[in-house]
Amino acid sequence: MFQKAIIVDDIDFNDQGALQVLTNLNVPVVDIAKYCDEALLKIKKAQLEEQPYDLVISDLSFKEDHRNDKIKSGEELIAIVKDLFPETKIIAFSVEDKPYIVQSLFKKFAINGYVIKGRNTITDLQQAIMQVYHTDEKFISPELATLYQDKTIHQINDYDILIIKYLSLGISQENMELQFKELGITPNSKSSIEKHSNKLRIYFRANNTTHLVAIAKDLGLI
């Protein structure tokens, strides 16, 4: 079993639940961090002392308070940890259930498991920890598994999502072109944006832009 784990969550009820699961699984050292900056410092310190954490369990969203932390989200923390210490096993632990976000965590950051907070939190987290320890197979909460496997989600990229988000805000393709250029996003020509927008409408069989945005919301893409 894992020898040293850290739970990164700013809600007492959640981190205590995760702590109990790890205790029941006889993980000898378990630390808790309520801020992402604090967690990264602990992870780096453990590496320097040659007593690294072999498991990180992290929420995705954190409420801002008086602290001026550099790392604002669990997703940012996961990205940094996986970049610095790729051998560290990471389980995301969140209420977020949008398929695209879940899929992107596995695809971009190679997380090892995703547990959704809900009715089966304790059972799912225990199963996730055991599976991640004993195998290389990724774990995802059963209630999200079918959504994650949706081929539609896998065929949509970040550029497509950005276009849909801008359309949902009522931004015209002309203004989208200007904003993309200012942000250095490519392709940024009006013709390219129109081409992608038309592709998305055809792909999702949307009658118009409003219909496209509605479909994207139903799928959890935005």
C-alpha atoms as a PDB file:
ATOM      1  CA  MET A   1       0.000   0.000   0.000  1.00  0.00           C
ATOM      2  CA  PHE A   2       1.024   3.642  -0.400  1.00  0.00           C
ATOM      3  CA  GLN A   3       3.422   4.792   2.295  1.00  0.00           C
ATOM      4  CA  LYS A   4       2.863   8.532   2.231  1.00  0.00           C
ATOM      5  CA  ALA A   5      -0.105  10.541   0.957  1.00  0.00           C
ATOM      6  CA  ILE A   6      -1.272  14.138   0.966  1.00  0.00           C
ATOM      7  CA  ILE A   7      -4.877  15.323   0.769  1.00  0.00           C
ATOM      8  CA  VAL A   8      -5.408  18.772  -0.769  1.00  0.00           C
ATOM      9  CA  ASP A   9      -8.881  20.086   0.051  1.00  0.00           C
ATOM     10  CA  ASP A  10     -10.151  23.242   1.735  1.00  0.00           C
ATOM     11  CA  ILE A  11     -13.313  21.685   3.231  1.00  0.00           C
ATOM     12  CA  ASP A  12     -12.849  19.916   6.564  1.00  0.00           C
ATOM     13  CA  PHE A  13     -15.608  17.379   5.982  1.00  0.00           C
ATOM     14  CA  ASN A  14     -14.056  16.248   2.705  1.00  0.00           C
ATOM     15  CA  ASP A  15     -10.466  15.959   3.857  1.00  0.00           C
ATOM     16  CA  GLN A  16     -11.487  14.117   7.018  1.00  0.00           C
ATOM     17  CA  GLY A  17     -13.439  11.621   4.942  1.00  0.00           C
ATOM     18  CA  ALA A  18     -10.432  11.021   2.696  1.00  0.00           C
ATOM     19  CA  LEU A  19      -8.202  10.771   5.775  1.00  0.00           C
ATOM     20  CA  GLN A  20     -10.427   8.063   7.220  1.00  0.00           C
ATOM     21  CA  VAL A  21     -10.243   6.053   3.995  1.00  0.00           C
ATOM     22  CA  LEU A  22      -6.438   6.231   3.948  1.00  0.00           C
ATOM     23  CA  THR A  23      -6.281   5.321   7.644  1.00  0.00           C
ATOM     24  CA  ASN A  24      -8.508   2.301   7.050  1.00  0.00           C
ATOM     25  CA  LEU A  25      -6.155   1.228   4.252  1.00  0.00           C
ATOM     26  CA  ASN A  26      -3.195   1.460   6.669  1.00  0.00           C
ATOM     27  CA  VAL A  27      -1.353   4.252   4.874  1.00  0.00           C
ATOM     28  CA  PRO A  28       1.214   5.157   7.585  1.00  0.00           C
ATOM     29  CA  VAL A  29       1.760   8.856   6.766  1.00  0.00           C
ATOM     30  CA  VAL A  30      -1.078  11.136   5.667  1.00  0.00           C
ATOM     31  CA  ASP A  31      -0.811  14.924   5.540  1.00  0.00           C
ATOM     32  CA  ILE A  32      -3.470  17.532   4.760  1.00  0.00           C
ATOM     33  CA  ALA A  33      -3.116  20.863   2.954  1.00  0.00           C
ATOM     34  CA  LYS A  34      -5.939  23.374   2.578  1.00  0.00           C
ATOM     35  CA  TYR A  35      -4.143  25.501  -0.016  1.00  0.00           C
ATOM     36  CA  CYS A  36      -2.474  24.499  -3.284  1.00  0.00           C
ATOM     37  CA  ASP A  37       0.667  26.573  -2.608  1.00  0.00           C
ATOM     38  CA  GLU A  38       0.986  24.895   0.788  1.00  0.00           C
ATOM     39  CA  ALA A  39       0.562  21.468  -0.812  1.00  0.00           C
ATOM     40  CA  LEU A  40       3.263  22.111  -3.423  1.00  0.00           C
ATOM     41  CA  LEU A  41       5.713  23.265  -0.763  1.00  0.00           C
ATOM     42  CA  LYS A  42       5.106  20.093   1.235  1.00  0.00           C
ATOM     43  CA  ILE A  43       5.488  17.931  -1.869  1.00  0.00           C
ATOM     44  CA  LYS A  44       8.757  19.620  -2.859  1.00  0.00           C
ATOM     45  CA  LYS A  45      10.096  19.413   0.707  1.00  0.00           C
ATOM     46  CA  ALA A  46       9.279  15.703   0.890  1.00  0.00           C
ATOM     47  CA  GLN A  47      11.170  15.113  -2.358  1.00  0.00           C
ATOM     48  CA  LEU A  48      14.226  17.003  -1.080  1.00  0.00           C
ATOM     49  CA  GLU A  49      14.185  14.947   2.112  1.00  0.00           C
ATOM     50  CA  GLU A  50      13.971  11.774  -0.001  1.00  0.00           C
ATOM     51  CA  GLN A  51      10.681  10.867   1.647  1.00  0.00           C
ATOM     52  CA  PRO A  52       8.324  11.699  -1.232  1.00  0.00           C
ATOM     53  CA  TYR A  53       4.570  11.414  -1.303  1.00  0.00           C
ATOM     54  CA  ASP A  54       3.590   8.513  -3.512  1.00  0.00           C
ATOM     55  CA  LEU A  55      -0.073   9.594  -3.628  1.00  0.00           C
ATOM     56  CA  VAL A  56      -1.745  12.992  -3.997  1.00  0.00           C
ATOM     57  CA  ILE A  57      -5.520  13.332  -3.612  1.00  0.00           C
ATOM     58  CA  SER A  58      -6.653  16.785  -4.694  1.00  0.00           C
ATOM     59  CA  ASP A  59      -9.874  18.716  -5.083  1.00  0.00           C
ATOM     60  CA  LEU A  60     -10.160  20.931  -8.172  1.00  0.00           C
ATOM     61  CA  SER A  61     -11.750  24.121  -6.820  1.00  0.00           C
ATOM     62  CA  PHE A  62     -10.654  26.211  -3.857  1.00  0.00           C
ATOM     63  CA  LYS A  63     -12.335  29.269  -2.353  1.00  0.00           C
ATOM     64  CA  GLU A  64     -10.239  32.409  -2.335  1.00  0.00           C
ATOM     65  CA  ASP A  65      -9.615  34.151   0.981  1.00  0.00           C
ATOM     66  CA  HIS A  66      -7.087  36.589   2.488  1.00  0.00           C
ATOM     67  CA  ARG A  67      -4.109  34.609   1.190  1.00  0.00           C
ATOM     68  CA  ASN A  68      -2.486  35.637  -2.072  1.00  0.00           C
ATOM     69  CA  ASP A  69      -1.723  32.172  -3.396  1.00  0.00           C
ATOM     70  CA  LYS A  70      -0.131  31.694  -6.800  1.00  0.00           C
ATOM     71  CA  ILE A  71      -1.828  28.363  -7.533  1.00  0.00           C
ATOM     72  CA  LYS A  72      -5.550  28.994  -7.740  1.00  0.00           C
ATOM     73  CA  SER A  73      -6.939  25.561  -8.573  1.00  0.00           C
ATOM     74  CA  GLY A  74      -6.364  21.869  -8.121  1.00  0.00           C
ATOM     75  CA  GLU A  75      -5.978  21.516 -11.870  1.00  0.00           C
ATOM     76  CA  GLU A  76      -2.997  23.892 -11.789  1.00  0.00           C
ATOM     77  CA  LEU A  77      -1.494  21.978  -8.870  1.00  0.00           C
ATOM     78  CA  ILE A  78      -1.953  18.640 -10.644  1.00  0.00           C
ATOM     79  CA  ALA A  79      -0.260  19.996 -13.764  1.00  0.00           C
ATOM     80  CA  ILE A  80       2.760  21.206 -11.769  1.00  0.00           C
ATOM     81  CA  VAL A  81       3.127  18.034  -9.724  1.00  0.00           C
ATOM     82  CA  LYS A  82       2.864  15.766 -12.769  1.00  0.00           C
ATOM     83  CA  ASP A  83       5.447  17.892 -14.568  1.00  0.00           C
ATOM     84  CA  LEU A  84       7.927  17.904 -11.670  1.00  0.00           C
ATOM     85  CA  PHE A  85       7.281  14.435 -10.305  1.00  0.00           C
ATOM     86  CA  PRO A  86       5.633  12.308 -13.009  1.00  0.00           C
ATOM     87  CA  GLU A  87       5.959   9.129 -10.946  1.00  0.00           C
ATOM     88  CA  THR A  88       3.585  10.493  -8.280  1.00  0.00           C
ATOM     89  CA  LYS A  89       0.123   8.942  -8.424  1.00  0.00           C
ATOM     90  CA  ILE A  90      -2.686  11.515  -8.455  1.00  0.00           C
ATOM     91  CA  ILE A  91      -6.395  11.095  -7.803  1.00  0.00           C
ATOM     92  CA  ALA A  92      -8.657  14.062  -8.499  1.00  0.00           C
ATOM     93  CA  PHE A  93     -11.481  14.340  -5.964  1.00  0.00           C
ATOM     94  CA  SER A  94     -14.227  16.790  -6.914  1.00  0.00           C
ATOM     95  CA  VAL A  95     -17.910  17.591  -7.394  1.00  0.00           C
ATOM     96  CA  GLU A  96     -17.163  18.504 -11.026  1.00  0.00           C
ATOM     97  CA  ASP A  97     -19.033  16.138 -13.336  1.00  0.00           C
ATOM     98  CA  LYS A  98     -18.612  17.723 -16.771  1.00  0.00           C
ATOM     99  CA  PRO A  99     -17.306  14.949 -19.054  1.00  0.00           C
ATOM    100  CA  TYR A 100     -14.986  17.219 -21.032  1.00  0.00           C
ATOM    101  CA  ILE A 101     -13.236  18.451 -17.882  1.00  0.00           C
ATOM    102  CA  VAL A 102     -12.849  14.918 -16.536  1.00  0.00           C
ATOM    103  CA  GLN A 103     -11.541  13.689 -19.885  1.00  0.00           C
ATOM    104  CA  SER A 104      -9.079  16.551 -20.169  1.00  0.00           C
ATOM    105  CA  LEU A 105      -7.544  15.750 -16.759  1.00  0.00           C
ATOM    106  CA  PHE A 106      -6.721  12.237 -17.918  1.00  0.00           C
ATOM    107  CA  LYS A 107      -5.581  13.371 -21.350  1.00  0.00           C
ATOM    108  CA  LYS A 108      -3.533  16.455 -20.440  1.00  0.00           C
ATOM    109  CA  PHE A 109      -2.130  15.549 -17.049  1.00  0.00           C
ATOM    110  CA  ALA A 110      -2.244  11.740 -17.010  1.00  0.00           C
ATOM    111  CA  ILE A 111      -3.991  11.591 -13.651  1.00  0.00           C
ATOM    112  CA  ASN A 112      -4.469   8.102 -12.262  1.00  0.00           C
ATOM    113  CA  GLY A 113      -8.006   8.389 -10.971  1.00  0.00           C
ATOM    114  CA  TYR A 114     -11.073  10.590 -10.747  1.00  0.00           C
ATOM    115  CA  VAL A 115     -13.541  10.325  -7.874  1.00  0.00           C
ATOM    116  CA  ILE A 116     -16.682  12.419  -7.844  1.00  0.00           C
ATOM    117  CA  LYS A 117     -17.892  13.627  -4.462  1.00  0.00           C
ATOM    118  CA  GLY A 118     -21.374  12.327  -3.795  1.00  0.00           C
ATOM    119  CA  ARG A 119     -23.332   9.463  -2.323  1.00  0.00           C
ATOM    120  CA  ASN A 120     -20.643   6.872  -3.022  1.00  0.00           C
ATOM    121  CA  THR A 121     -17.620   9.010  -2.206  1.00  0.00           C
ATOM    122  CA  ILE A 122     -16.076   6.781   0.459  1.00  0.00           C
ATOM    123  CA  THR A 123     -16.567   3.546  -1.461  1.00  0.00           C
ATOM    124  CA  ASP A 124     -15.301   5.033  -4.728  1.00  0.00           C
ATOM    125  CA  LEU A 125     -12.273   6.657  -3.112  1.00  0.00           C
ATOM    126  CA  GLN A 126     -11.270   3.442  -1.391  1.00  0.00           C
ATOM    127  CA  GLN A 127     -11.630   1.504  -4.635  1.00  0.00           C
ATOM    128  CA  ALA A 128      -9.690   4.180  -6.530  1.00  0.00           C
ATOM    129  CA  ILE A 129      -6.768   4.101  -4.094  1.00  0.00           C
ATOM    130  CA  MET A 130      -6.547   0.317  -4.187  1.00  0.00           C
ATOM    131  CA  GLN A 131      -6.810   0.144  -7.984  1.00  0.00           C
ATOM    132  CA  VAL A 132      -4.256   2.890  -8.563  1.00  0.00           C
ATOM    133  CA  TYR A 133      -1.840   1.186  -6.158  1.00  0.00           C
ATOM    134  CA  HIS A 134      -2.181  -2.335  -7.493  1.00  0.00           C
ATOM    135  CA  THR A 135      -2.572  -1.666 -11.225  1.00  0.00           C
ATOM    136  CA  ASP A 136      -1.803   0.844 -13.978  1.00  0.00           C
ATOM    137  CA  GLU A 137      -5.484   0.986 -14.895  1.00  0.00           C
ATOM    138  CA  LYS A 138      -7.124   4.404 -14.555  1.00  0.00           C
ATOM    139  CA  PHE A 139     -10.026   4.708 -12.110  1.00  0.00           C
ATOM    140  CA  ILE A 140     -13.130   6.792 -12.694  1.00  0.00           C
ATOM    141  CA  SER A 141     -16.274   6.839 -10.562  1.00  0.00           C
ATOM    142  CA  PRO A 142     -18.810   4.423 -12.135  1.00  0.00           C
ATOM    143  CA  GLU A 143     -21.489   7.106 -12.504  1.00  0.00           C
ATOM    144  CA  LEU A 144     -19.160   9.064 -14.796  1.00  0.00           C
ATOM    145  CA  ALA A 145     -17.656   6.155 -16.702  1.00  0.00           C
ATOM    146  CA  THR A 146     -20.249   6.028 -19.508  1.00  0.00           C
ATOM    147  CA  LEU A 147     -20.054   9.791 -20.021  1.00  0.00           C
ATOM    148  CA  TYR A 148     -16.276   9.703 -20.162  1.00  0.00           C
ATOM    149  CA  GLN A 149     -16.393   6.995 -22.813  1.00  0.00           C
ATOM    150  CA  ASP A 150     -18.638   9.116 -25.073  1.00  0.00           C
ATOM    151  CA  LYS A 151     -16.756   9.330 -28.387  1.00  0.00           C
ATOM    152  CA  THR A 152     -18.164  12.819 -28.982  1.00  0.00           C
ATOM    153  CA  ILE A 153     -16.202  14.194 -26.035  1.00  0.00           C
ATOM    154  CA  HIS A 154     -12.933  12.713 -27.294  1.00  0.00           C
ATOM    155  CA  GLN A 155     -13.268  14.260 -30.744  1.00  0.00           C
ATOM    156  CA  ILE A 156     -13.707  17.842 -29.521  1.00  0.00           C
ATOM    157  CA  ASN A 157     -10.554  19.844 -28.764  1.00  0.00           C
ATOM    158  CA  ASP A 158      -9.798  22.939 -26.689  1.00  0.00           C
ATOM    159  CA  TYR A 159     -10.077  25.254 -29.695  1.00  0.00           C
ATOM    160  CA  ASP A 160     -13.611  23.974 -30.393  1.00  0.00           C
ATOM    161  CA  ILE A 161     -14.581  24.467 -26.755  1.00  0.00           C
ATOM    162  CA  LEU A 162     -13.246  28.025 -26.802  1.00  0.00           C
ATOM    163  CA  ILE A 163     -15.347  28.887 -29.859  1.00  0.00           C
ATOM    164  CA  ILE A 164     -18.474  27.475 -28.209  1.00  0.00           C
ATOM    165  CA  LYS A 165     -17.754  29.424 -25.016  1.00  0.00           C
ATOM    166  CA  TYR A 166     -17.401  32.659 -26.978  1.00  0.00           C
ATOM    167  CA  LEU A 167     -20.618  31.914 -28.862  1.00  0.00           C
ATOM    168  CA  SER A 168     -22.400  31.276 -25.556  1.00  0.00           C
ATOM    169  CA  LEU A 169     -21.355  34.778 -24.456  1.00  0.00           C
ATOM    170  CA  GLY A 170     -22.887  36.285 -27.589  1.00  0.00           C
ATOM    171  CA  ILE A 171     -19.540  37.284 -29.093  1.00  0.00           C
ATOM    172  CA  SER A 172     -19.729  37.681 -32.855  1.00  0.00           C
ATOM    173  CA  GLN A 173     -17.238  35.956 -35.141  1.00  0.00           C
ATOM    174  CA  GLU A 174     -15.792  39.354 -36.078  1.00  0.00           C
ATOM    175  CA  ASN A 175     -15.093  40.200 -32.431  1.00  0.00           C
ATOM    176  CA  MET A 176     -13.923  36.657 -31.825  1.00  0.00           C
ATOM    177  CA  GLU A 177     -11.312  37.149 -34.546  1.00  0.00           C
ATOM    178  CA  LEU A 178     -10.021  40.306 -32.855  1.00  0.00           C
ATOM    179  CA  GLN A 179      -9.901  38.703 -29.401  1.00  0.00           C
ATOM    180  CA  PHE A 180      -8.169  35.583 -30.684  1.00  0.00           C
ATOM    181  CA  LYS A 181      -5.504  37.748 -32.315  1.00  0.00           C
ATOM    182  CA  GLU A 182      -5.006  39.755 -29.117  1.00  0.00           C
ATOM    183  CA  LEU A 183      -4.641  36.535 -27.111  1.00  0.00           C
ATOM    184  CA  GLY A 184      -2.340  34.913 -29.670  1.00  0.00           C
ATOM    185  CA  ILE A 185      -4.778  32.087 -30.353  1.00  0.00           C
ATOM    186  CA  THR A 186      -4.455  30.412 -33.748  1.00  0.00           C
ATOM    187  CA  PRO A 187      -6.036  29.984 -36.194  1.00  0.00           C
ATOM    188  CA  ASN A 188      -7.624  33.381 -35.699  1.00  0.00           C
ATOM    189  CA  SER A 189      -8.950  34.453 -39.093  1.00  0.00           C
ATOM    190  CA  LYS A 190     -12.677  34.981 -39.489  1.00  0.00           C
ATOM    191  CA  SER A 191     -12.811  32.290 -42.178  1.00  0.00           C
ATOM    192  CA  SER A 192     -11.168  29.730 -39.866  1.00  0.00           C
ATOM    193  CA  ILE A 193     -13.542  30.564 -37.042  1.00  0.00           C
ATOM    194  CA  GLU A 194     -16.531  30.286 -39.384  1.00  0.00           C
ATOM    195  CA  LYS A 195     -15.235  26.971 -40.692  1.00  0.00           C
ATOM    196  CA  HIS A 196     -14.917  25.528 -37.180  1.00  0.00           C
ATOM    197  CA  SER A 197     -18.307  26.913 -36.140  1.00  0.00           C
ATOM    198  CA  ASN A 198     -19.965  25.301 -39.155  1.00  0.00           C
ATOM    199  CA  LYS A 199     -18.142  22.036 -38.455  1.00  0.00           C
ATOM    200  CA  LEU A 200     -19.459  22.057 -34.886  1.00  0.00           C
ATOM    201  CA  ARG A 201     -23.041  22.730 -35.995  1.00  0.00           C
ATOM    202  CA  ILE A 202     -22.863  19.867 -38.488  1.00  0.00           C
ATOM    203  CA  TYR A 203     -21.139  17.548 -36.010  1.00  0.00           C
ATOM    204  CA  PHE A 204     -23.723  18.133 -33.293  1.00  0.00           C
ATOM    205  CA  ARG A 205     -26.597  18.412 -35.785  1.00  0.00           C
ATOM    206  CA  ALA A 206     -27.440  21.824 -34.371  1.00  0.00           C
ATOM    207  CA  ASN A 207     -29.995  23.985 -36.153  1.00  0.00           C
ATOM    208  CA  ASN A 208     -28.276  27.235 -35.194  1.00  0.00           C
ATOM    209  CA  THR A 209     -25.768  28.749 -32.777  1.00  0.00           C
ATOM    210  CA  THR A 210     -28.230  28.812 -29.875  1.00  0.00           C
ATOM    211  CA  HIS A 211     -28.988  25.131 -30.425  1.00  0.00           C
ATOM    212  CA  LEU A 212     -25.249  24.351 -30.584  1.00  0.00           C
ATOM    213  CA  VAL A 213     -24.602  26.094 -27.260  1.00  0.00           C
ATOM    214  CA  ALA A 214     -27.527  24.238 -25.657  1.00  0.00           C
ATOM    215  CA  ILE A 215     -26.219  20.879 -26.854  1.00  0.00           C
ATOM    216  CA  ALA A 216     -22.701  21.694 -25.595  1.00  0.00           C
ATOM    217  CA  LYS A 217     -24.106  22.576 -22.168  1.00  0.00           C
ATOM    218  CA  ASP A 218     -26.111  19.350 -22.021  1.00  0.00           C
ATOM    219  CA  LEU A 219     -22.939  17.378 -22.790  1.00  0.00           C
ATOM    220  CA  GLY A 220     -21.031  19.258 -20.124  1.00  0.00           C
ATOM    221  CA  LEU A 221     -18.587  20.748 -22.604  1.00  0.00           C
ATOM    222  CA  ILE A 222     -19.063  24.273 -21.234  1.00  0.00           C
END
